[in-house]
Amino acid sequence: AKIVKLSDDMLEFAGEPRDVVILDKEGRPLTAGDTERRFFEASWLHKYNGNYYFSYSTGDTHLLCYAIGDNPYGPFVYQGVIMTPVVGWTTHHAIAEFKGKWYLFHHDSVPSDGKTWLRSLKVCELRYNPDGTIQTIPGTDE
């Protein structure tokens, strides 16, 4: 993944794109072979209680994971799984706060009779623990 600040008009880069670095809790970068924790696609960045949360899909293991950093450029330290695999294997998402509560938007293929390209939007409350970690959401919850 890459991250870059945008210009005030949001049409150009205000700097050079930087690589996003995700570290394990011992400070070692996660590698592509670490399929349970590595970044694969579908990233999102949000700020909660002064920390930056980089969330993403792991790809073939279909987990939605997150890492926390103290600035938007990282590095980010891996924390865990936000959501376990959903029906239809996609873990693309967005996170937003509305009226004091946080929500996870995602999609799955539950009502699509097994057709994974037909996806339905889902939303569920995202809950934080007192230490700032995120409670894992079962991907099979309705």
N, C-alpha and C. Protein backbone atom coordinates (compact mmCIF):
# COMPACT_ATOMS: atom_id res chain seq x y z
N ALA A 1 0.84 -1.18 0.00
CA ALA A 1 0.00 0.00 0.00
C ALA A 1 0.88 1.24 0.00
N LYS A 2 0.32 2.31 -0.49
CA LYS A 2 0.99 3.62 -0.50
C LYS A 2 0.09 4.63 0.20
N ILE A 3 0.70 5.68 0.73
CA ILE A 3 -0.05 6.78 1.34
C ILE A 3 0.61 8.08 0.94
N VAL A 4 -0.22 9.10 0.69
CA VAL A 4 0.31 10.41 0.29
C VAL A 4 -0.70 11.48 0.71
N LYS A 5 -0.18 12.62 1.11
CA LYS A 5 -1.04 13.76 1.43
C LYS A 5 -1.47 14.41 0.12
N LEU A 6 -2.74 14.86 0.08
CA LEU A 6 -3.26 15.54 -1.10
C LEU A 6 -3.14 17.04 -0.94
N SER A 7 -3.12 17.75 -2.06
CA SER A 7 -3.12 19.21 -2.06
C SER A 7 -4.45 19.72 -1.51
N ASP A 8 -4.53 21.01 -1.23
CA ASP A 8 -5.75 21.59 -0.66
C ASP A 8 -6.97 21.35 -1.55
N ASP A 9 -6.79 21.35 -2.87
CA ASP A 9 -7.93 21.11 -3.77
C ASP A 9 -8.19 19.61 -3.98
N MET A 10 -7.36 18.78 -3.38
CA MET A 10 -7.49 17.32 -3.42
C MET A 10 -7.39 16.75 -4.83
N LEU A 11 -6.73 17.47 -5.73
CA LEU A 11 -6.57 17.01 -7.11
C LEU A 11 -5.15 16.57 -7.43
N GLU A 12 -4.22 16.89 -6.54
CA GLU A 12 -2.82 16.56 -6.77
C GLU A 12 -2.18 16.08 -5.47
N PHE A 13 -1.06 15.42 -5.61
CA PHE A 13 -0.28 15.03 -4.44
C PHE A 13 0.44 16.26 -3.88
N ALA A 14 0.49 16.36 -2.56
CA ALA A 14 1.22 17.44 -1.89
C ALA A 14 2.60 16.96 -1.44
N GLY A 15 2.96 15.76 -1.81
CA GLY A 15 4.24 15.17 -1.46
C GLY A 15 4.43 13.90 -2.26
N GLU A 16 5.45 13.17 -1.91
CA GLU A 16 5.73 11.91 -2.58
C GLU A 16 4.99 10.76 -1.89
N PRO A 17 4.42 9.84 -2.65
CA PRO A 17 3.79 8.66 -2.03
C PRO A 17 4.82 7.87 -1.22
N ARG A 18 4.37 7.36 -0.10
CA ARG A 18 5.23 6.56 0.78
C ARG A 18 4.65 5.16 0.93
N ASP A 19 5.52 4.20 1.13
CA ASP A 19 5.08 2.84 1.42
C ASP A 19 4.47 2.78 2.82
N VAL A 20 3.39 2.05 2.96
CA VAL A 20 2.82 1.78 4.28
C VAL A 20 3.57 0.58 4.85
N VAL A 21 4.06 0.72 6.05
CA VAL A 21 4.79 -0.36 6.72
C VAL A 21 3.96 -0.85 7.90
N ILE A 22 3.71 -2.16 7.93
CA ILE A 22 3.00 -2.79 9.04
C ILE A 22 4.00 -3.68 9.76
N LEU A 23 4.14 -3.46 11.05
CA LEU A 23 5.09 -4.21 11.87
C LEU A 23 4.35 -5.16 12.80
N ASP A 24 5.03 -6.25 13.18
CA ASP A 24 4.47 -7.08 14.24
C ASP A 24 4.79 -6.41 15.57
N LYS A 25 4.36 -6.97 16.67
CA LYS A 25 4.55 -6.32 17.98
C LYS A 25 6.00 -6.33 18.44
N GLU A 26 6.87 -7.08 17.75
CA GLU A 26 8.30 -7.07 18.04
C GLU A 26 9.05 -6.09 17.14
N GLY A 27 8.33 -5.38 16.27
CA GLY A 27 8.94 -4.38 15.41
C GLY A 27 9.44 -4.89 14.07
N ARG A 28 9.09 -6.12 13.71
CA ARG A 28 9.51 -6.69 12.43
C ARG A 28 8.42 -6.47 11.38
N PRO A 29 8.79 -6.07 10.17
CA PRO A 29 7.79 -5.88 9.11
C PRO A 29 7.07 -7.18 8.76
N LEU A 30 5.76 -7.10 8.54
CA LEU A 30 5.01 -8.27 8.07
C LEU A 30 5.38 -8.51 6.62
N THR A 31 5.44 -9.77 6.23
CA THR A 31 5.84 -10.13 4.88
C THR A 31 4.66 -10.73 4.11
N ALA A 32 4.82 -10.85 2.81
CA ALA A 32 3.76 -11.39 1.95
C ALA A 32 3.40 -12.82 2.32
N GLY A 33 4.34 -13.58 2.86
CA GLY A 33 4.07 -14.96 3.24
C GLY A 33 3.23 -15.10 4.49
N ASP A 34 3.05 -14.03 5.23
CA ASP A 34 2.26 -14.04 6.46
C ASP A 34 0.80 -13.77 6.09
N THR A 35 0.14 -14.77 5.51
CA THR A 35 -1.19 -14.57 4.92
C THR A 35 -2.29 -14.27 5.93
N GLU A 36 -2.05 -14.53 7.21
CA GLU A 36 -3.06 -14.23 8.23
C GLU A 36 -3.03 -12.76 8.67
N ARG A 37 -1.91 -12.05 8.40
CA ARG A 37 -1.77 -10.68 8.91
C ARG A 37 -1.34 -9.66 7.85
N ARG A 38 -0.83 -10.10 6.74
CA ARG A 38 -0.25 -9.19 5.74
C ARG A 38 -1.30 -8.33 5.04
N PHE A 39 -0.86 -7.16 4.54
CA PHE A 39 -1.72 -6.33 3.70
C PHE A 39 -1.81 -6.97 2.32
N PHE A 40 -3.03 -7.02 1.76
CA PHE A 40 -3.21 -7.50 0.40
C PHE A 40 -3.93 -6.45 -0.45
N GLU A 41 -5.06 -5.92 0.06
CA GLU A 41 -5.82 -4.93 -0.71
C GLU A 41 -6.86 -4.26 0.19
N ALA A 42 -7.61 -3.33 -0.40
CA ALA A 42 -8.80 -2.74 0.22
C ALA A 42 -8.49 -2.03 1.53
N SER A 43 -7.57 -1.09 1.50
CA SER A 43 -7.18 -0.39 2.73
C SER A 43 -8.13 0.75 3.07
N TRP A 44 -8.14 1.10 4.35
CA TRP A 44 -8.92 2.21 4.88
C TRP A 44 -8.14 2.80 6.04
N LEU A 45 -8.22 4.11 6.22
CA LEU A 45 -7.53 4.77 7.32
C LEU A 45 -8.52 5.64 8.07
N HIS A 46 -8.58 5.47 9.38
CA HIS A 46 -9.41 6.35 10.20
C HIS A 46 -8.67 6.70 11.49
N LYS A 47 -9.11 7.77 12.12
CA LYS A 47 -8.49 8.24 13.35
C LYS A 47 -9.46 8.06 14.50
N TYR A 48 -8.96 7.48 15.59
CA TYR A 48 -9.77 7.26 16.78
C TYR A 48 -8.92 7.53 18.01
N ASN A 49 -9.38 8.41 18.89
CA ASN A 49 -8.67 8.75 20.13
C ASN A 49 -7.20 9.08 19.91
N GLY A 50 -6.90 9.83 18.86
CA GLY A 50 -5.54 10.29 18.61
C GLY A 50 -4.64 9.31 17.89
N ASN A 51 -5.13 8.11 17.60
CA ASN A 51 -4.35 7.11 16.87
C ASN A 51 -4.93 6.89 15.49
N TYR A 52 -4.08 6.45 14.58
CA TYR A 52 -4.49 6.17 13.20
C TYR A 52 -4.60 4.66 13.02
N TYR A 53 -5.74 4.24 12.49
CA TYR A 53 -6.04 2.83 12.29
C TYR A 53 -6.00 2.54 10.80
N PHE A 54 -5.06 1.69 10.39
CA PHE A 54 -4.95 1.26 9.00
C PHE A 54 -5.58 -0.13 8.94
N SER A 55 -6.70 -0.25 8.22
CA SER A 55 -7.38 -1.53 8.11
C SER A 55 -7.34 -2.00 6.66
N TYR A 56 -7.42 -3.32 6.48
CA TYR A 56 -7.16 -3.89 5.15
C TYR A 56 -7.59 -5.35 5.08
N SER A 57 -7.68 -5.84 3.86
CA SER A 57 -7.97 -7.25 3.60
C SER A 57 -6.65 -8.01 3.46
N THR A 58 -6.66 -9.25 3.96
CA THR A 58 -5.47 -10.10 3.85
C THR A 58 -5.44 -10.89 2.54
N GLY A 59 -6.48 -10.78 1.72
CA GLY A 59 -6.47 -11.50 0.45
C GLY A 59 -7.03 -12.90 0.60
N ASP A 60 -6.23 -13.91 0.30
CA ASP A 60 -6.73 -15.28 0.22
C ASP A 60 -7.19 -15.88 1.54
N THR A 61 -6.85 -15.28 2.68
CA THR A 61 -7.38 -15.77 3.95
C THR A 61 -8.66 -15.03 4.34
N HIS A 62 -9.01 -13.98 3.58
CA HIS A 62 -10.29 -13.28 3.69
C HIS A 62 -10.56 -12.66 5.06
N LEU A 63 -9.51 -12.25 5.74
CA LEU A 63 -9.66 -11.57 7.02
C LEU A 63 -9.62 -10.07 6.82
N LEU A 64 -10.32 -9.34 7.66
CA LEU A 64 -10.23 -7.89 7.70
C LEU A 64 -9.43 -7.56 8.95
N CYS A 65 -8.21 -7.07 8.76
CA CYS A 65 -7.28 -6.83 9.87
C CYS A 65 -7.02 -5.35 10.05
N TYR A 66 -6.32 -5.01 11.15
CA TYR A 66 -5.96 -3.61 11.37
C TYR A 66 -4.65 -3.49 12.12
N ALA A 67 -4.05 -2.33 11.95
CA ALA A 67 -2.81 -1.98 12.64
C ALA A 67 -2.94 -0.52 13.07
N ILE A 68 -2.24 -0.15 14.13
CA ILE A 68 -2.36 1.20 14.69
C ILE A 68 -1.02 1.92 14.63
N GLY A 69 -1.08 3.22 14.28
CA GLY A 69 0.10 4.08 14.28
C GLY A 69 -0.21 5.41 14.94
N ASP A 70 0.84 6.16 15.25
CA ASP A 70 0.60 7.46 15.91
C ASP A 70 0.56 8.62 14.92
N ASN A 71 0.71 8.32 13.62
CA ASN A 71 0.54 9.34 12.59
C ASN A 71 0.04 8.65 11.32
N PRO A 72 -0.51 9.38 10.38
CA PRO A 72 -1.12 8.73 9.21
C PRO A 72 -0.13 8.04 8.27
N TYR A 73 1.16 8.31 8.43
CA TYR A 73 2.17 7.69 7.57
C TYR A 73 2.76 6.42 8.17
N GLY A 74 2.38 6.10 9.39
CA GLY A 74 2.93 4.92 10.03
C GLY A 74 4.30 5.18 10.62
N PRO A 75 5.02 4.12 10.96
CA PRO A 75 4.61 2.73 10.75
C PRO A 75 3.41 2.37 11.63
N PHE A 76 2.75 1.29 11.23
CA PHE A 76 1.59 0.79 11.94
C PHE A 76 1.95 -0.56 12.57
N VAL A 77 1.45 -0.80 13.77
CA VAL A 77 1.71 -2.06 14.46
C VAL A 77 0.45 -2.91 14.39
N TYR A 78 0.61 -4.12 13.88
CA TYR A 78 -0.51 -5.05 13.74
C TYR A 78 -1.18 -5.28 15.09
N GLN A 79 -2.52 -5.26 15.09
CA GLN A 79 -3.28 -5.45 16.33
C GLN A 79 -4.19 -6.67 16.31
N GLY A 80 -4.76 -7.00 15.15
CA GLY A 80 -5.67 -8.13 15.12
C GLY A 80 -6.67 -8.08 13.99
N VAL A 81 -7.72 -8.86 14.16
CA VAL A 81 -8.77 -9.04 13.15
C VAL A 81 -9.99 -8.21 13.53
N ILE A 82 -10.46 -7.40 12.59
CA ILE A 82 -11.72 -6.67 12.79
C ILE A 82 -12.89 -7.58 12.47
N MET A 83 -12.79 -8.31 11.34
CA MET A 83 -13.89 -9.17 10.92
C MET A 83 -13.35 -10.46 10.33
N THR A 84 -13.98 -11.56 10.71
CA THR A 84 -13.64 -12.85 10.13
C THR A 84 -14.30 -12.95 8.75
N PRO A 85 -13.96 -13.97 7.95
CA PRO A 85 -14.47 -14.04 6.57
C PRO A 85 -16.00 -14.00 6.48
N VAL A 86 -16.45 -13.34 5.43
CA VAL A 86 -17.88 -13.23 5.14
C VAL A 86 -18.25 -14.21 4.03
N VAL A 87 -19.53 -14.46 3.84
CA VAL A 87 -19.99 -15.27 2.72
C VAL A 87 -19.67 -14.51 1.44
N GLY A 88 -18.99 -15.14 0.52
CA GLY A 88 -18.62 -14.49 -0.73
C GLY A 88 -17.19 -13.99 -0.72
N TRP A 89 -16.48 -14.21 0.36
CA TRP A 89 -15.04 -13.98 0.53
C TRP A 89 -14.52 -12.56 0.36
N THR A 90 -15.35 -11.57 0.20
CA THR A 90 -14.83 -10.20 0.04
C THR A 90 -14.75 -9.52 1.39
N THR A 91 -13.67 -8.81 1.60
CA THR A 91 -13.52 -8.06 2.86
C THR A 91 -13.14 -6.62 2.56
N HIS A 92 -13.84 -6.02 1.62
CA HIS A 92 -13.66 -4.59 1.33
C HIS A 92 -14.61 -3.83 2.26
N HIS A 93 -14.17 -2.67 2.72
CA HIS A 93 -14.89 -2.04 3.81
C HIS A 93 -14.66 -0.54 3.88
N ALA A 94 -15.38 0.09 4.79
CA ALA A 94 -15.16 1.48 5.19
C ALA A 94 -15.56 1.59 6.66
N ILE A 95 -14.97 2.56 7.35
CA ILE A 95 -15.27 2.79 8.77
C ILE A 95 -15.58 4.27 8.94
N ALA A 96 -16.66 4.56 9.66
CA ALA A 96 -17.05 5.96 9.88
C ALA A 96 -17.74 6.11 11.23
N GLU A 97 -17.63 7.32 11.77
CA GLU A 97 -18.31 7.67 13.02
C GLU A 97 -19.56 8.47 12.67
N PHE A 98 -20.66 8.17 13.36
CA PHE A 98 -21.91 8.91 13.16
C PHE A 98 -22.61 9.03 14.50
N LYS A 99 -22.83 10.26 14.94
CA LYS A 99 -23.53 10.56 16.19
C LYS A 99 -22.93 9.80 17.38
N GLY A 100 -21.60 9.80 17.45
CA GLY A 100 -20.91 9.22 18.60
C GLY A 100 -20.68 7.73 18.56
N LYS A 101 -21.15 7.05 17.52
CA LYS A 101 -20.91 5.62 17.38
C LYS A 101 -20.10 5.37 16.11
N TRP A 102 -19.34 4.30 16.13
CA TRP A 102 -18.52 3.93 14.98
C TRP A 102 -19.17 2.75 14.26
N TYR A 103 -19.06 2.78 12.91
CA TYR A 103 -19.70 1.75 12.10
C TYR A 103 -18.73 1.18 11.07
N LEU A 104 -18.90 -0.10 10.82
CA LEU A 104 -18.16 -0.81 9.78
C LEU A 104 -19.13 -1.09 8.64
N PHE A 105 -18.81 -0.60 7.46
CA PHE A 105 -19.59 -0.88 6.25
C PHE A 105 -18.81 -1.92 5.44
N HIS A 106 -19.50 -2.93 4.97
CA HIS A 106 -18.84 -3.98 4.18
C HIS A 106 -19.90 -4.62 3.29
N HIS A 107 -19.53 -5.65 2.57
CA HIS A 107 -20.52 -6.34 1.77
C HIS A 107 -20.26 -7.84 1.79
N ASP A 108 -21.30 -8.59 1.48
CA ASP A 108 -21.18 -10.04 1.37
C ASP A 108 -22.16 -10.54 0.32
N SER A 109 -22.25 -11.86 0.20
CA SER A 109 -23.10 -12.46 -0.83
C SER A 109 -24.22 -13.31 -0.24
N VAL A 110 -24.61 -13.04 1.01
CA VAL A 110 -25.62 -13.87 1.67
C VAL A 110 -26.91 -14.00 0.85
N PRO A 111 -27.55 -12.90 0.41
CA PRO A 111 -28.83 -13.06 -0.30
C PRO A 111 -28.69 -13.37 -1.79
N SER A 112 -27.49 -13.69 -2.25
CA SER A 112 -27.24 -13.81 -3.69
C SER A 112 -27.21 -15.24 -4.20
N ASP A 113 -27.70 -16.18 -3.41
CA ASP A 113 -27.81 -17.56 -3.85
C ASP A 113 -26.47 -18.12 -4.34
N GLY A 114 -25.39 -17.79 -3.62
CA GLY A 114 -24.08 -18.33 -3.95
C GLY A 114 -23.32 -17.61 -5.05
N LYS A 115 -23.90 -16.57 -5.63
CA LYS A 115 -23.22 -15.82 -6.70
C LYS A 115 -22.36 -14.74 -6.05
N THR A 116 -21.06 -14.97 -5.98
CA THR A 116 -20.17 -14.09 -5.22
C THR A 116 -19.99 -12.72 -5.85
N TRP A 117 -20.35 -12.55 -7.10
CA TRP A 117 -20.23 -11.24 -7.74
C TRP A 117 -21.45 -10.35 -7.46
N LEU A 118 -22.50 -10.93 -6.88
CA LEU A 118 -23.68 -10.17 -6.47
C LEU A 118 -23.56 -9.89 -4.98
N ARG A 119 -23.26 -8.66 -4.64
CA ARG A 119 -22.93 -8.34 -3.25
C ARG A 119 -23.98 -7.42 -2.64
N SER A 120 -24.17 -7.58 -1.36
CA SER A 120 -25.12 -6.77 -0.61
C SER A 120 -24.40 -5.97 0.46
N LEU A 121 -24.77 -4.70 0.59
CA LEU A 121 -24.17 -3.82 1.58
C LEU A 121 -24.63 -4.21 2.98
N LYS A 122 -23.69 -4.20 3.91
CA LYS A 122 -23.98 -4.48 5.32
C LYS A 122 -23.36 -3.37 6.15
N VAL A 123 -23.94 -3.13 7.30
CA VAL A 123 -23.36 -2.18 8.26
C VAL A 123 -23.55 -2.76 9.65
N CYS A 124 -22.53 -2.62 10.48
CA CYS A 124 -22.63 -3.06 11.87
C CYS A 124 -21.82 -2.11 12.74
N GLU A 125 -22.15 -2.08 14.01
CA GLU A 125 -21.44 -1.20 14.92
C GLU A 125 -20.04 -1.75 15.17
N LEU A 126 -19.07 -0.85 15.15
CA LEU A 126 -17.68 -1.18 15.45
C LEU A 126 -17.44 -0.78 16.90
N ARG A 127 -16.98 -1.72 17.71
CA ARG A 127 -16.78 -1.44 19.14
C ARG A 127 -15.30 -1.50 19.50
N TYR A 128 -14.89 -0.49 20.27
CA TYR A 128 -13.51 -0.41 20.74
C TYR A 128 -13.44 -0.85 22.20
N ASN A 129 -12.36 -1.52 22.55
CA ASN A 129 -12.07 -1.85 23.93
C ASN A 129 -11.44 -0.63 24.60
N PRO A 130 -11.40 -0.58 25.94
CA PRO A 130 -10.80 0.57 26.63
C PRO A 130 -9.36 0.86 26.22
N ASP A 131 -8.61 -0.17 25.80
CA ASP A 131 -7.21 0.04 25.38
C ASP A 131 -7.07 0.48 23.92
N GLY A 132 -8.20 0.68 23.23
CA GLY A 132 -8.17 1.14 21.85
C GLY A 132 -8.19 0.03 20.82
N THR A 133 -8.09 -1.22 21.24
CA THR A 133 -8.20 -2.31 20.28
C THR A 133 -9.67 -2.45 19.86
N ILE A 134 -9.88 -3.13 18.75
CA ILE A 134 -11.22 -3.29 18.18
C ILE A 134 -11.73 -4.69 18.46
N GLN A 135 -12.98 -4.79 18.87
CA GLN A 135 -13.59 -6.10 19.10
C GLN A 135 -13.85 -6.78 17.76
N THR A 136 -13.48 -8.05 17.65
CA THR A 136 -13.66 -8.80 16.40
C THR A 136 -15.14 -9.05 16.15
N ILE A 137 -15.53 -8.85 14.90
CA ILE A 137 -16.91 -9.06 14.45
C ILE A 137 -16.94 -10.35 13.63
N PRO A 138 -17.80 -11.31 13.98
CA PRO A 138 -17.92 -12.51 13.15
C PRO A 138 -18.50 -12.15 11.79
N GLY A 139 -17.83 -12.53 10.72
CA GLY A 139 -18.29 -12.20 9.37
C GLY A 139 -19.59 -12.84 8.98
N THR A 140 -20.00 -13.84 9.73
CA THR A 140 -21.24 -14.54 9.41
C THR A 140 -22.44 -13.97 10.14
N ASP A 141 -22.24 -12.93 10.98
CA ASP A 141 -23.37 -12.30 11.68
C ASP A 141 -24.27 -11.61 10.67
N GLU A 142 -25.53 -11.64 10.91
CA GLU A 142 -26.50 -10.97 10.04
C GLU A 142 -26.74 -9.57 10.51
